[in-house]
């Protein structure tokens, strides 16, 4: 996670034909599982409520569970560091008053925390370039 000049995408973490699942990948998976918003939608410029909430949830979880800077988190979702900081504070406030988001965050963290400390090698599908988990 904290290595200098190490890409954080699946395509960039290939080493000798094996792919390392990063913390960002695990967070994206958790958000998709609970909020049904995919990585491409989070990284897009769309501003639907559902997509904005997922993007803000990603920023909050990435800040809380990784050692990456706000600039690195922003680069992962094609945003700048100010947007990341705003997203973190906004989602923090929304979680206090919106039960649906608080429950989603709790479920994502319950699934995410045990998996973060384990480096996992995965295969990538040749067609869609998505990770294939061997669980």
N, C-alpha and C. Protein backbone atom coordinates (compact mmCIF):
# COMPACT_ATOMS: atom_id res chain seq x y z
N UNK A 1 0.81 -1.19 0.00
CA UNK A 1 0.00 0.00 0.00
C UNK A 1 0.85 1.26 0.00
N UNK A 2 1.86 1.34 0.80
CA UNK A 2 2.59 2.57 0.95
C UNK A 2 3.85 2.65 0.12
N UNK A 3 4.04 1.73 -0.84
CA UNK A 3 5.25 1.77 -1.64
C UNK A 3 5.23 2.99 -2.55
N UNK A 4 6.41 3.53 -2.82
CA UNK A 4 6.52 4.68 -3.69
C UNK A 4 6.42 4.20 -5.14
N UNK A 5 5.68 4.95 -5.94
CA UNK A 5 5.52 4.71 -7.37
C UNK A 5 4.93 3.34 -7.70
N UNK A 6 4.12 2.78 -6.84
CA UNK A 6 3.44 1.53 -7.11
C UNK A 6 2.02 1.83 -7.56
N UNK A 7 1.63 1.38 -8.75
CA UNK A 7 0.26 1.64 -9.19
C UNK A 7 -0.74 0.90 -8.31
N UNK A 8 -1.94 1.48 -8.18
CA UNK A 8 -2.94 0.88 -7.31
C UNK A 8 -4.04 0.19 -8.08
N UNK A 9 -3.91 0.07 -9.40
CA UNK A 9 -4.93 -0.64 -10.16
C UNK A 9 -4.52 -2.08 -10.34
N UNK A 10 -5.49 -2.91 -10.66
CA UNK A 10 -5.21 -4.33 -10.83
C UNK A 10 -4.25 -4.53 -12.00
N UNK A 11 -4.49 -3.80 -13.10
CA UNK A 11 -3.65 -3.98 -14.27
C UNK A 11 -2.19 -3.62 -13.97
N UNK A 12 -1.97 -2.67 -13.06
CA UNK A 12 -0.62 -2.21 -12.77
C UNK A 12 0.12 -3.05 -11.75
N UNK A 13 -0.55 -3.95 -11.06
CA UNK A 13 0.09 -4.71 -9.99
C UNK A 13 0.47 -6.12 -10.43
N UNK A 14 0.61 -6.32 -11.73
CA UNK A 14 0.97 -7.66 -12.23
C UNK A 14 2.44 -7.92 -11.96
N UNK A 15 2.73 -9.08 -11.37
CA UNK A 15 4.10 -9.49 -11.16
C UNK A 15 4.22 -10.95 -11.55
N UNK A 16 4.98 -11.21 -12.58
CA UNK A 16 5.25 -12.57 -13.05
C UNK A 16 3.97 -13.36 -13.31
N UNK A 17 3.02 -12.74 -13.98
CA UNK A 17 1.78 -13.43 -14.33
C UNK A 17 0.76 -13.53 -13.22
N UNK A 18 1.06 -13.02 -12.03
CA UNK A 18 0.12 -13.04 -10.92
C UNK A 18 -0.30 -11.61 -10.62
N UNK A 19 -1.47 -11.45 -10.11
CA UNK A 19 -2.00 -10.13 -9.80
C UNK A 19 -2.27 -10.02 -8.31
N UNK A 20 -1.88 -8.91 -7.74
CA UNK A 20 -2.07 -8.67 -6.31
C UNK A 20 -3.33 -7.82 -6.14
N UNK A 21 -4.23 -8.26 -5.30
CA UNK A 21 -5.44 -7.52 -5.00
C UNK A 21 -5.11 -6.43 -3.99
N UNK A 22 -5.32 -5.15 -4.36
CA UNK A 22 -4.96 -4.04 -3.50
C UNK A 22 -6.10 -3.70 -2.54
N UNK A 23 -5.81 -2.82 -1.60
CA UNK A 23 -6.84 -2.37 -0.66
C UNK A 23 -7.96 -1.65 -1.40
N UNK A 24 -7.60 -0.87 -2.42
CA UNK A 24 -8.61 -0.18 -3.21
C UNK A 24 -9.55 -1.18 -3.89
N UNK A 25 -8.99 -2.26 -4.41
CA UNK A 25 -9.82 -3.28 -5.06
C UNK A 25 -10.81 -3.89 -4.07
N UNK A 26 -10.36 -4.15 -2.86
CA UNK A 26 -11.24 -4.70 -1.83
C UNK A 26 -12.35 -3.72 -1.46
N UNK A 27 -12.01 -2.44 -1.39
CA UNK A 27 -13.02 -1.42 -1.07
C UNK A 27 -14.03 -1.32 -2.20
N UNK A 28 -13.55 -1.32 -3.45
CA UNK A 28 -14.48 -1.29 -4.59
C UNK A 28 -15.41 -2.49 -4.57
N UNK A 29 -14.88 -3.67 -4.24
CA UNK A 29 -15.71 -4.88 -4.17
C UNK A 29 -16.77 -4.76 -3.08
N UNK A 30 -16.38 -4.24 -1.92
CA UNK A 30 -17.34 -4.07 -0.83
C UNK A 30 -18.44 -3.09 -1.18
N UNK A 31 -18.08 -2.01 -1.84
CA UNK A 31 -19.07 -1.02 -2.24
C UNK A 31 -20.02 -1.61 -3.28
N UNK A 32 -19.47 -2.38 -4.21
CA UNK A 32 -20.35 -3.00 -5.21
C UNK A 32 -21.31 -3.99 -4.54
N UNK A 33 -20.80 -4.75 -3.59
CA UNK A 33 -21.61 -5.77 -2.92
C UNK A 33 -22.76 -5.14 -2.13
N UNK A 34 -22.52 -4.03 -1.46
CA UNK A 34 -23.54 -3.42 -0.61
C UNK A 34 -24.37 -2.35 -1.31
N UNK A 35 -23.73 -1.57 -2.19
CA UNK A 35 -24.43 -0.42 -2.79
C UNK A 35 -24.76 -0.62 -4.26
N UNK A 36 -24.27 -1.70 -4.85
CA UNK A 36 -24.51 -2.04 -6.25
C UNK A 36 -24.07 -0.93 -7.22
N UNK A 37 -22.89 -0.39 -6.94
CA UNK A 37 -22.28 0.60 -7.83
C UNK A 37 -20.89 0.11 -8.16
N UNK A 38 -20.59 0.00 -9.44
CA UNK A 38 -19.32 -0.55 -9.88
C UNK A 38 -18.20 0.47 -9.93
N UNK A 39 -17.00 -0.03 -10.15
CA UNK A 39 -15.80 0.79 -10.20
C UNK A 39 -15.88 1.85 -11.30
N UNK A 40 -16.34 1.46 -12.48
CA UNK A 40 -16.41 2.41 -13.59
C UNK A 40 -17.37 3.55 -13.28
N UNK A 41 -18.48 3.24 -12.62
CA UNK A 41 -19.43 4.30 -12.26
C UNK A 41 -18.86 5.22 -11.20
N UNK A 42 -18.12 4.67 -10.25
CA UNK A 42 -17.50 5.51 -9.22
C UNK A 42 -16.47 6.44 -9.84
N UNK A 43 -15.76 5.95 -10.82
CA UNK A 43 -14.71 6.75 -11.46
C UNK A 43 -15.25 7.69 -12.54
N UNK A 44 -16.53 7.56 -12.89
CA UNK A 44 -17.10 8.38 -13.95
C UNK A 44 -17.41 9.79 -13.46
N UNK A 45 -17.84 10.64 -14.37
CA UNK A 45 -18.18 12.02 -14.04
C UNK A 45 -19.67 12.19 -13.70
N UNK A 46 -20.42 11.09 -13.70
CA UNK A 46 -21.85 11.17 -13.41
C UNK A 46 -22.08 11.65 -11.99
N UNK A 47 -23.24 12.33 -11.79
CA UNK A 47 -23.51 12.88 -10.47
C UNK A 47 -24.87 12.44 -9.91
N UNK A 48 -25.29 11.24 -10.25
CA UNK A 48 -26.52 10.71 -9.66
C UNK A 48 -26.29 10.51 -8.16
N UNK A 49 -27.33 10.60 -7.39
CA UNK A 49 -27.23 10.49 -5.94
C UNK A 49 -26.55 9.18 -5.51
N UNK A 50 -26.97 8.09 -6.12
CA UNK A 50 -26.43 6.78 -5.77
C UNK A 50 -24.92 6.72 -6.05
N UNK A 51 -24.49 7.28 -7.17
CA UNK A 51 -23.08 7.25 -7.54
C UNK A 51 -22.26 8.17 -6.64
N UNK A 52 -22.80 9.31 -6.31
CA UNK A 52 -22.08 10.26 -5.44
C UNK A 52 -21.90 9.65 -4.06
N UNK A 53 -22.94 9.00 -3.54
CA UNK A 53 -22.82 8.37 -2.23
C UNK A 53 -21.78 7.25 -2.24
N UNK A 54 -21.74 6.47 -3.31
CA UNK A 54 -20.75 5.40 -3.40
C UNK A 54 -19.34 5.97 -3.50
N UNK A 55 -19.17 7.05 -4.25
CA UNK A 55 -17.87 7.71 -4.39
C UNK A 55 -17.41 8.26 -3.03
N UNK A 56 -18.34 8.87 -2.31
CA UNK A 56 -18.00 9.42 -1.00
C UNK A 56 -17.69 8.30 -0.01
N UNK A 57 -18.40 7.19 -0.12
CA UNK A 57 -18.13 6.04 0.75
C UNK A 57 -16.74 5.49 0.47
N UNK A 58 -16.36 5.43 -0.81
CA UNK A 58 -15.02 4.96 -1.16
C UNK A 58 -13.96 5.86 -0.52
N UNK A 59 -14.15 7.17 -0.62
CA UNK A 59 -13.17 8.11 -0.05
C UNK A 59 -13.05 7.92 1.46
N UNK A 60 -14.17 7.77 2.13
CA UNK A 60 -14.17 7.60 3.59
C UNK A 60 -13.45 6.31 3.98
N UNK A 61 -13.78 5.21 3.31
CA UNK A 61 -13.18 3.93 3.66
C UNK A 61 -11.70 3.87 3.28
N UNK A 62 -11.35 4.48 2.15
CA UNK A 62 -9.94 4.48 1.74
C UNK A 62 -9.11 5.31 2.72
N UNK A 63 -9.64 6.40 3.19
CA UNK A 63 -8.91 7.23 4.16
C UNK A 63 -8.77 6.50 5.49
N UNK A 64 -9.83 5.82 5.89
CA UNK A 64 -9.83 5.17 7.20
C UNK A 64 -8.99 3.90 7.23
N UNK A 65 -8.96 3.14 6.14
CA UNK A 65 -8.36 1.81 6.16
C UNK A 65 -7.08 1.68 5.34
N UNK A 66 -6.59 2.76 4.77
CA UNK A 66 -5.31 2.72 4.07
C UNK A 66 -4.44 3.86 4.59
N UNK A 67 -3.18 3.84 4.21
CA UNK A 67 -2.28 4.92 4.62
C UNK A 67 -2.03 5.89 3.47
N UNK A 68 -2.84 5.80 2.42
CA UNK A 68 -2.68 6.65 1.25
C UNK A 68 -3.11 8.08 1.56
N UNK A 69 -2.50 9.02 0.84
CA UNK A 69 -2.84 10.43 0.99
C UNK A 69 -4.13 10.73 0.22
N UNK A 70 -4.69 11.90 0.48
CA UNK A 70 -5.91 12.28 -0.23
C UNK A 70 -5.65 12.45 -1.72
N UNK A 71 -4.44 12.82 -2.10
CA UNK A 71 -4.08 12.93 -3.52
C UNK A 71 -4.12 11.55 -4.17
N UNK A 72 -3.56 10.53 -3.51
CA UNK A 72 -3.56 9.17 -4.05
C UNK A 72 -4.98 8.61 -4.14
N UNK A 73 -5.79 8.86 -3.13
CA UNK A 73 -7.17 8.40 -3.15
C UNK A 73 -7.92 9.07 -4.29
N UNK A 74 -7.70 10.36 -4.47
CA UNK A 74 -8.33 11.08 -5.56
C UNK A 74 -7.91 10.56 -6.92
N UNK A 75 -6.64 10.23 -7.06
CA UNK A 75 -6.15 9.68 -8.33
C UNK A 75 -6.83 8.34 -8.65
N UNK A 76 -7.16 7.58 -7.62
CA UNK A 76 -7.80 6.29 -7.83
C UNK A 76 -9.21 6.42 -8.40
N UNK A 77 -9.86 7.56 -8.16
CA UNK A 77 -11.23 7.76 -8.64
C UNK A 77 -11.34 8.96 -9.58
N UNK A 78 -10.22 9.42 -10.10
CA UNK A 78 -10.19 10.54 -11.05
C UNK A 78 -10.75 11.83 -10.46
N UNK A 79 -10.37 12.12 -9.24
CA UNK A 79 -10.78 13.36 -8.57
C UNK A 79 -9.55 14.00 -7.95
N UNK A 80 -9.68 15.26 -7.50
CA UNK A 80 -8.56 15.91 -6.84
C UNK A 80 -8.67 15.74 -5.33
N UNK A 81 -7.64 16.17 -4.61
CA UNK A 81 -7.60 15.94 -3.16
C UNK A 81 -8.68 16.72 -2.43
N UNK A 82 -9.07 17.88 -2.93
CA UNK A 82 -10.11 18.67 -2.26
C UNK A 82 -11.45 17.95 -2.31
N UNK A 83 -11.74 17.31 -3.41
CA UNK A 83 -12.97 16.53 -3.53
C UNK A 83 -12.96 15.37 -2.55
N UNK A 84 -11.81 14.75 -2.38
CA UNK A 84 -11.70 13.64 -1.43
C UNK A 84 -11.97 14.13 -0.01
N UNK A 85 -11.37 15.24 0.37
CA UNK A 85 -11.58 15.78 1.72
C UNK A 85 -13.04 16.16 1.94
N UNK A 86 -13.66 16.78 0.93
CA UNK A 86 -15.07 17.14 1.03
C UNK A 86 -15.94 15.89 1.13
N UNK A 87 -15.61 14.87 0.35
CA UNK A 87 -16.37 13.63 0.36
C UNK A 87 -16.31 12.93 1.71
N UNK A 88 -15.13 12.95 2.32
CA UNK A 88 -14.96 12.31 3.63
C UNK A 88 -15.83 13.00 4.68
N UNK A 89 -15.78 14.32 4.72
CA UNK A 89 -16.57 15.04 5.73
C UNK A 89 -18.07 14.91 5.46
N UNK A 90 -18.46 14.94 4.21
CA UNK A 90 -19.88 14.81 3.87
C UNK A 90 -20.41 13.43 4.23
N UNK A 91 -19.68 12.39 3.87
CA UNK A 91 -20.14 11.02 4.17
C UNK A 91 -20.14 10.77 5.67
N UNK A 92 -19.19 11.34 6.37
CA UNK A 92 -19.16 11.21 7.83
C UNK A 92 -20.44 11.78 8.45
N UNK A 93 -20.87 12.93 7.94
CA UNK A 93 -22.11 13.54 8.44
C UNK A 93 -23.34 12.76 7.98
N UNK A 94 -23.35 12.28 6.74
CA UNK A 94 -24.50 11.52 6.25
C UNK A 94 -24.71 10.23 7.03
N UNK A 95 -23.62 9.60 7.42
CA UNK A 95 -23.72 8.34 8.16
C UNK A 95 -24.39 8.55 9.53
N UNK A 96 -24.17 9.71 10.11
CA UNK A 96 -24.78 10.00 11.41
C UNK A 96 -26.30 10.08 11.32
N UNK A 97 -26.83 10.53 10.17
CA UNK A 97 -28.26 10.80 10.06
C UNK A 97 -29.00 9.88 9.10
N UNK A 98 -28.29 9.09 8.31
CA UNK A 98 -28.94 8.21 7.33
C UNK A 98 -28.64 6.76 7.70
N UNK A 99 -29.67 6.08 8.15
CA UNK A 99 -29.50 4.71 8.63
C UNK A 99 -29.04 3.77 7.51
N UNK A 100 -29.56 3.97 6.29
CA UNK A 100 -29.19 3.12 5.16
C UNK A 100 -27.70 3.17 4.88
N UNK A 101 -27.10 4.34 4.92
CA UNK A 101 -25.68 4.48 4.67
C UNK A 101 -24.84 3.96 5.83
N UNK A 102 -25.32 4.15 7.04
CA UNK A 102 -24.61 3.64 8.21
C UNK A 102 -24.56 2.11 8.19
N UNK A 103 -25.66 1.49 7.82
CA UNK A 103 -25.71 0.03 7.74
C UNK A 103 -24.80 -0.46 6.62
N UNK A 104 -24.83 0.21 5.47
CA UNK A 104 -23.97 -0.19 4.35
C UNK A 104 -22.50 -0.08 4.73
N UNK A 105 -22.13 0.99 5.42
CA UNK A 105 -20.74 1.18 5.84
C UNK A 105 -20.32 0.07 6.81
N UNK A 106 -21.19 -0.26 7.75
CA UNK A 106 -20.87 -1.32 8.71
C UNK A 106 -20.67 -2.67 8.03
N UNK A 107 -21.55 -3.01 7.09
CA UNK A 107 -21.42 -4.28 6.38
C UNK A 107 -20.15 -4.31 5.53
N UNK A 108 -19.84 -3.21 4.88
CA UNK A 108 -18.62 -3.16 4.07
C UNK A 108 -17.40 -3.35 4.96
N UNK A 109 -17.37 -2.67 6.10
CA UNK A 109 -16.23 -2.80 7.01
C UNK A 109 -16.12 -4.20 7.62
N UNK A 110 -17.25 -4.82 7.93
CA UNK A 110 -17.21 -6.18 8.47
C UNK A 110 -16.58 -7.15 7.47
N UNK A 111 -16.86 -6.94 6.20
CA UNK A 111 -16.29 -7.79 5.16
C UNK A 111 -14.86 -7.38 4.82
N UNK A 112 -14.56 -6.10 4.93
CA UNK A 112 -13.30 -5.54 4.45
C UNK A 112 -12.14 -5.73 5.43
N UNK A 113 -12.34 -5.47 6.69
CA UNK A 113 -11.25 -5.43 7.67
C UNK A 113 -10.48 -6.76 7.75
N UNK A 114 -11.14 -7.91 7.82
CA UNK A 114 -10.34 -9.15 7.87
C UNK A 114 -9.54 -9.41 6.60
N UNK A 115 -10.00 -8.90 5.47
CA UNK A 115 -9.35 -9.16 4.19
C UNK A 115 -8.22 -8.17 3.88
N UNK A 116 -8.16 -7.06 4.57
CA UNK A 116 -7.17 -6.03 4.25
C UNK A 116 -5.74 -6.46 4.54
N UNK A 117 -5.53 -7.19 5.58
CA UNK A 117 -4.17 -7.54 5.97
C UNK A 117 -3.63 -8.76 5.24
N UNK A 118 -4.44 -9.37 4.41
CA UNK A 118 -4.02 -10.55 3.68
C UNK A 118 -3.75 -10.14 2.23
N UNK A 119 -2.52 -10.37 1.77
CA UNK A 119 -2.21 -10.14 0.37
C UNK A 119 -2.71 -11.34 -0.41
N UNK A 120 -3.54 -11.09 -1.39
CA UNK A 120 -4.17 -12.18 -2.11
C UNK A 120 -3.83 -12.09 -3.59
N UNK A 121 -3.39 -13.20 -4.14
CA UNK A 121 -3.13 -13.27 -5.57
C UNK A 121 -4.39 -13.75 -6.26
N UNK A 122 -4.76 -13.09 -7.35
CA UNK A 122 -5.95 -13.44 -8.09
C UNK A 122 -5.62 -13.55 -9.57
N UNK A 123 -6.49 -14.23 -10.29
CA UNK A 123 -6.38 -14.27 -11.74
C UNK A 123 -7.30 -13.20 -12.33
N UNK A 124 -6.94 -12.70 -13.51
CA UNK A 124 -7.73 -11.70 -14.19
C UNK A 124 -8.39 -12.33 -15.42
N UNK A 125 -9.67 -12.10 -15.59
CA UNK A 125 -10.39 -12.60 -16.74
C UNK A 125 -9.86 -11.92 -18.00
N UNK A 126 -9.56 -12.70 -19.03
CA UNK A 126 -9.00 -12.15 -20.26
C UNK A 126 -10.00 -11.27 -21.00
N UNK A 127 -11.29 -11.56 -20.88
CA UNK A 127 -12.30 -10.81 -21.62
C UNK A 127 -12.64 -9.48 -20.97
N UNK A 128 -13.01 -9.50 -19.70
CA UNK A 128 -13.51 -8.29 -19.05
C UNK A 128 -12.50 -7.63 -18.11
N UNK A 129 -11.33 -8.23 -17.93
CA UNK A 129 -10.26 -7.68 -17.10
C UNK A 129 -10.67 -7.49 -15.64
N UNK A 130 -11.60 -8.31 -15.14
CA UNK A 130 -12.02 -8.27 -13.75
C UNK A 130 -11.34 -9.39 -12.97
N UNK A 131 -11.09 -9.18 -11.68
CA UNK A 131 -10.44 -10.23 -10.89
C UNK A 131 -11.35 -11.42 -10.67
N UNK A 132 -10.77 -12.61 -10.70
CA UNK A 132 -11.49 -13.84 -10.41
C UNK A 132 -10.99 -14.34 -9.06
N UNK A 133 -11.84 -14.27 -8.07
CA UNK A 133 -11.43 -14.66 -6.72
C UNK A 133 -11.55 -16.16 -6.55
N UNK A 134 -10.58 -16.74 -5.92
CA UNK A 134 -10.56 -18.17 -5.64
C UNK A 134 -10.85 -18.39 -4.16
N UNK A 135 -12.08 -18.19 -3.76
CA UNK A 135 -12.43 -18.33 -2.35
C UNK A 135 -13.14 -19.61 -2.08
